[in-house]
Structures are given as structure tokens and as C-alpha cells.
Amino acid sequence: MDQKSAPRFMTVAEVADLMRVSKMTVYRLIHNGDMPAIRVGKSFRVPESAVRQLIDAGLSEWSDERAGGIGG
């Protein structure tokens, strides 16, 4: 597999640290199907691209709300 095309994976702890949430929150996102992950043994690995997409989606929702203005 070409190194540039290989997906990069993050641990649950790395995702939690990046998003500034608890590991339990990341596990909930995984189990609810809100964040894709693969199981490696007894642990999960989350594609880095999925984390970025989730963050970007949240940021775009936030900016859309701000663009609408406060109070209409």
C-alpha cells in the first residue's frame, strides 16, 4: 500500500484530546454511529479524516448560525 494513500488512524485518547472531550464521549460517538471506527483487538481506531470531517461539520454549523445573526 502506498504510504500517501494509506489512511491515518487515531486512538480514542488522541481523538478525545484533540476534541477536548472525555474518552467516554468518543466511545459514545463511536457506538452511536456518529463517528466511524475500526476495532483492533479490544481497542478502537478512528480514521483521522473522519475526525476532521466531524470537527469541520460542527464548525460550519456554528458559522452558519453566526451568519444568521442574533435575534434575526
N, C-alpha and C. Protein backbone atom coordinates (compact mmCIF):
# COMPACT_ATOMS: atom_id res chain seq x y z
N MET A 1 0.84 -1.18 0.00
CA MET A 1 0.00 0.00 0.00
C MET A 1 0.88 1.24 0.00
N ASP A 2 0.56 2.17 -0.88
CA ASP A 2 1.31 3.41 -0.98
C ASP A 2 1.14 4.22 0.30
N GLN A 3 2.24 4.73 0.83
CA GLN A 3 2.22 5.46 2.10
C GLN A 3 1.31 6.69 2.04
N LYS A 4 1.27 7.38 0.87
CA LYS A 4 0.45 8.58 0.76
C LYS A 4 -1.04 8.26 0.73
N SER A 5 -1.41 7.10 0.25
CA SER A 5 -2.83 6.76 0.16
C SER A 5 -3.33 6.00 1.39
N ALA A 6 -2.41 5.59 2.25
CA ALA A 6 -2.81 4.84 3.44
C ALA A 6 -3.53 5.76 4.41
N PRO A 7 -4.71 5.34 4.89
CA PRO A 7 -5.42 6.18 5.87
C PRO A 7 -4.66 6.23 7.19
N ARG A 8 -4.76 7.35 7.86
CA ARG A 8 -4.12 7.50 9.17
C ARG A 8 -5.19 7.33 10.23
N PHE A 9 -4.83 6.64 11.30
CA PHE A 9 -5.77 6.35 12.36
C PHE A 9 -5.31 6.97 13.67
N MET A 10 -6.31 7.29 14.51
CA MET A 10 -6.05 7.87 15.82
C MET A 10 -6.66 6.97 16.89
N THR A 11 -6.05 6.98 18.06
CA THR A 11 -6.63 6.26 19.19
C THR A 11 -7.78 7.08 19.77
N VAL A 12 -8.59 6.43 20.59
CA VAL A 12 -9.68 7.13 21.26
C VAL A 12 -9.13 8.26 22.13
N ALA A 13 -8.03 8.01 22.81
CA ALA A 13 -7.42 9.03 23.67
C ALA A 13 -6.94 10.22 22.84
N GLU A 14 -6.37 9.98 21.66
CA GLU A 14 -5.92 11.08 20.81
C GLU A 14 -7.09 11.91 20.30
N VAL A 15 -8.18 11.24 19.93
CA VAL A 15 -9.38 11.94 19.47
C VAL A 15 -9.94 12.79 20.60
N ALA A 16 -10.03 12.21 21.78
CA ALA A 16 -10.56 12.94 22.95
C ALA A 16 -9.71 14.16 23.25
N ASP A 17 -8.41 14.02 23.19
CA ASP A 17 -7.51 15.13 23.46
C ASP A 17 -7.67 16.23 22.41
N LEU A 18 -7.74 15.86 21.15
CA LEU A 18 -7.90 16.83 20.07
C LEU A 18 -9.21 17.59 20.18
N MET A 19 -10.28 16.88 20.52
CA MET A 19 -11.60 17.49 20.59
C MET A 19 -11.90 18.10 21.96
N ARG A 20 -11.00 17.91 22.90
CA ARG A 20 -11.18 18.41 24.27
C ARG A 20 -12.44 17.86 24.92
N VAL A 21 -12.64 16.55 24.77
CA VAL A 21 -13.76 15.85 25.41
C VAL A 21 -13.20 14.63 26.12
N SER A 22 -14.04 13.94 26.86
CA SER A 22 -13.59 12.74 27.55
C SER A 22 -13.54 11.55 26.57
N LYS A 23 -12.80 10.54 26.97
CA LYS A 23 -12.76 9.33 26.15
C LYS A 23 -14.14 8.69 26.06
N MET A 24 -14.92 8.80 27.14
CA MET A 24 -16.27 8.23 27.14
C MET A 24 -17.13 8.89 26.06
N THR A 25 -16.97 10.18 25.87
CA THR A 25 -17.71 10.88 24.82
C THR A 25 -17.35 10.33 23.44
N VAL A 26 -16.07 10.07 23.22
CA VAL A 26 -15.64 9.49 21.94
C VAL A 26 -16.22 8.09 21.77
N TYR A 27 -16.20 7.28 22.83
CA TYR A 27 -16.80 5.94 22.76
C TYR A 27 -18.29 6.03 22.44
N ARG A 28 -18.98 7.01 23.02
CA ARG A 28 -20.41 7.18 22.72
C ARG A 28 -20.62 7.54 21.25
N LEU A 29 -19.80 8.43 20.73
CA LEU A 29 -19.90 8.80 19.31
C LEU A 29 -19.70 7.57 18.42
N ILE A 30 -18.76 6.73 18.79
CA ILE A 30 -18.49 5.50 18.02
C ILE A 30 -19.68 4.55 18.10
N HIS A 31 -20.13 4.28 19.31
CA HIS A 31 -21.22 3.31 19.49
C HIS A 31 -22.55 3.80 18.93
N ASN A 32 -22.77 5.12 18.90
CA ASN A 32 -24.00 5.67 18.31
C ASN A 32 -23.93 5.75 16.79
N GLY A 33 -22.76 5.48 16.22
CA GLY A 33 -22.60 5.54 14.77
C GLY A 33 -22.32 6.93 14.25
N ASP A 34 -22.04 7.88 15.15
CA ASP A 34 -21.74 9.24 14.74
C ASP A 34 -20.29 9.41 14.30
N MET A 35 -19.42 8.47 14.68
CA MET A 35 -18.02 8.52 14.30
C MET A 35 -17.59 7.11 13.88
N PRO A 36 -17.11 6.96 12.66
CA PRO A 36 -16.68 5.64 12.22
C PRO A 36 -15.39 5.22 12.93
N ALA A 37 -15.26 3.93 13.16
CA ALA A 37 -14.06 3.40 13.80
C ALA A 37 -13.93 1.93 13.44
N ILE A 38 -12.71 1.45 13.53
CA ILE A 38 -12.49 0.01 13.37
C ILE A 38 -11.97 -0.53 14.69
N ARG A 39 -12.27 -1.78 14.91
CA ARG A 39 -11.83 -2.43 16.14
C ARG A 39 -10.52 -3.15 15.86
N VAL A 40 -9.53 -2.90 16.71
CA VAL A 40 -8.24 -3.58 16.63
C VAL A 40 -8.03 -4.24 17.98
N GLY A 41 -8.26 -5.55 18.00
CA GLY A 41 -8.21 -6.25 19.29
C GLY A 41 -9.34 -5.76 20.16
N LYS A 42 -8.99 -5.23 21.33
CA LYS A 42 -10.01 -4.72 22.26
C LYS A 42 -10.16 -3.21 22.18
N SER A 43 -9.42 -2.57 21.29
CA SER A 43 -9.48 -1.10 21.21
C SER A 43 -10.00 -0.66 19.85
N PHE A 44 -10.30 0.63 19.76
CA PHE A 44 -10.81 1.21 18.53
C PHE A 44 -9.77 2.13 17.93
N ARG A 45 -9.81 2.24 16.60
CA ARG A 45 -9.02 3.22 15.88
C ARG A 45 -9.97 4.01 14.99
N VAL A 46 -9.80 5.32 15.02
CA VAL A 46 -10.69 6.22 14.29
C VAL A 46 -9.90 6.84 13.14
N PRO A 47 -10.46 6.82 11.93
CA PRO A 47 -9.76 7.47 10.81
C PRO A 47 -9.61 8.97 11.08
N GLU A 48 -8.41 9.47 10.88
CA GLU A 48 -8.15 10.88 11.11
C GLU A 48 -9.07 11.75 10.25
N SER A 49 -9.35 11.31 9.03
CA SER A 49 -10.22 12.09 8.14
C SER A 49 -11.63 12.22 8.71
N ALA A 50 -12.11 11.18 9.40
CA ALA A 50 -13.45 11.23 9.99
C ALA A 50 -13.50 12.25 11.13
N VAL A 51 -12.43 12.34 11.89
CA VAL A 51 -12.36 13.31 12.99
C VAL A 51 -12.39 14.72 12.41
N ARG A 52 -11.60 14.95 11.37
CA ARG A 52 -11.56 16.27 10.73
C ARG A 52 -12.93 16.63 10.16
N GLN A 53 -13.61 15.67 9.53
CA GLN A 53 -14.93 15.94 8.96
C GLN A 53 -15.93 16.31 10.06
N LEU A 54 -15.88 15.60 11.17
CA LEU A 54 -16.79 15.88 12.28
C LEU A 54 -16.55 17.28 12.84
N ILE A 55 -15.29 17.63 13.00
CA ILE A 55 -14.94 18.96 13.50
C ILE A 55 -15.37 20.03 12.50
N ASP A 56 -15.07 19.81 11.22
CA ASP A 56 -15.43 20.78 10.18
C ASP A 56 -16.95 20.96 10.10
N ALA A 57 -17.70 19.87 10.23
CA ALA A 57 -19.16 19.95 10.19
C ALA A 57 -19.67 20.79 11.36
N GLY A 58 -19.11 20.58 12.53
CA GLY A 58 -19.51 21.36 13.69
C GLY A 58 -19.17 22.83 13.54
N LEU A 59 -18.00 23.11 12.96
CA LEU A 59 -17.60 24.50 12.75
C LEU A 59 -18.47 25.18 11.71
N SER A 60 -18.86 24.45 10.67
CA SER A 60 -19.70 25.07 9.64
C SER A 60 -21.10 25.35 10.19
N GLU A 61 -21.61 24.47 11.05
CA GLU A 61 -22.91 24.73 11.69
C GLU A 61 -22.83 25.98 12.56
N TRP A 62 -21.73 26.11 13.28
CA TRP A 62 -21.54 27.26 14.15
C TRP A 62 -21.46 28.54 13.33
N SER A 63 -20.71 28.51 12.24
CA SER A 63 -20.58 29.73 11.43
C SER A 63 -21.88 30.06 10.73
N ASP A 64 -22.67 29.04 10.33
CA ASP A 64 -23.97 29.29 9.72
C ASP A 64 -24.91 29.99 10.70
N GLU A 65 -24.89 29.55 11.95
CA GLU A 65 -25.73 30.17 12.97
C GLU A 65 -25.30 31.62 13.21
N ARG A 66 -24.01 31.86 13.23
CA ARG A 66 -23.49 33.22 13.45
C ARG A 66 -23.84 34.13 12.29
N ALA A 67 -23.85 33.58 11.07
CA ALA A 67 -24.14 34.38 9.88
C ALA A 67 -25.59 34.87 9.91
N GLY A 68 -26.48 34.08 10.53
CA GLY A 68 -27.88 34.46 10.61
C GLY A 68 -28.12 35.62 11.56
N GLY A 69 -27.16 35.87 12.39
CA GLY A 69 -27.29 36.99 13.34
C GLY A 69 -28.05 36.57 14.58
N ILE A 70 -27.87 37.34 15.60
CA ILE A 70 -28.56 37.09 16.87
C ILE A 70 -29.83 37.94 16.89
N GLY A 71 -30.93 37.28 17.14
CA GLY A 71 -32.20 37.98 17.23
C GLY A 71 -32.84 38.32 15.89
N GLY A 72 -32.30 37.72 14.80
CA GLY A 72 -32.92 37.86 13.48
C GLY A 72 -32.50 39.05 12.79
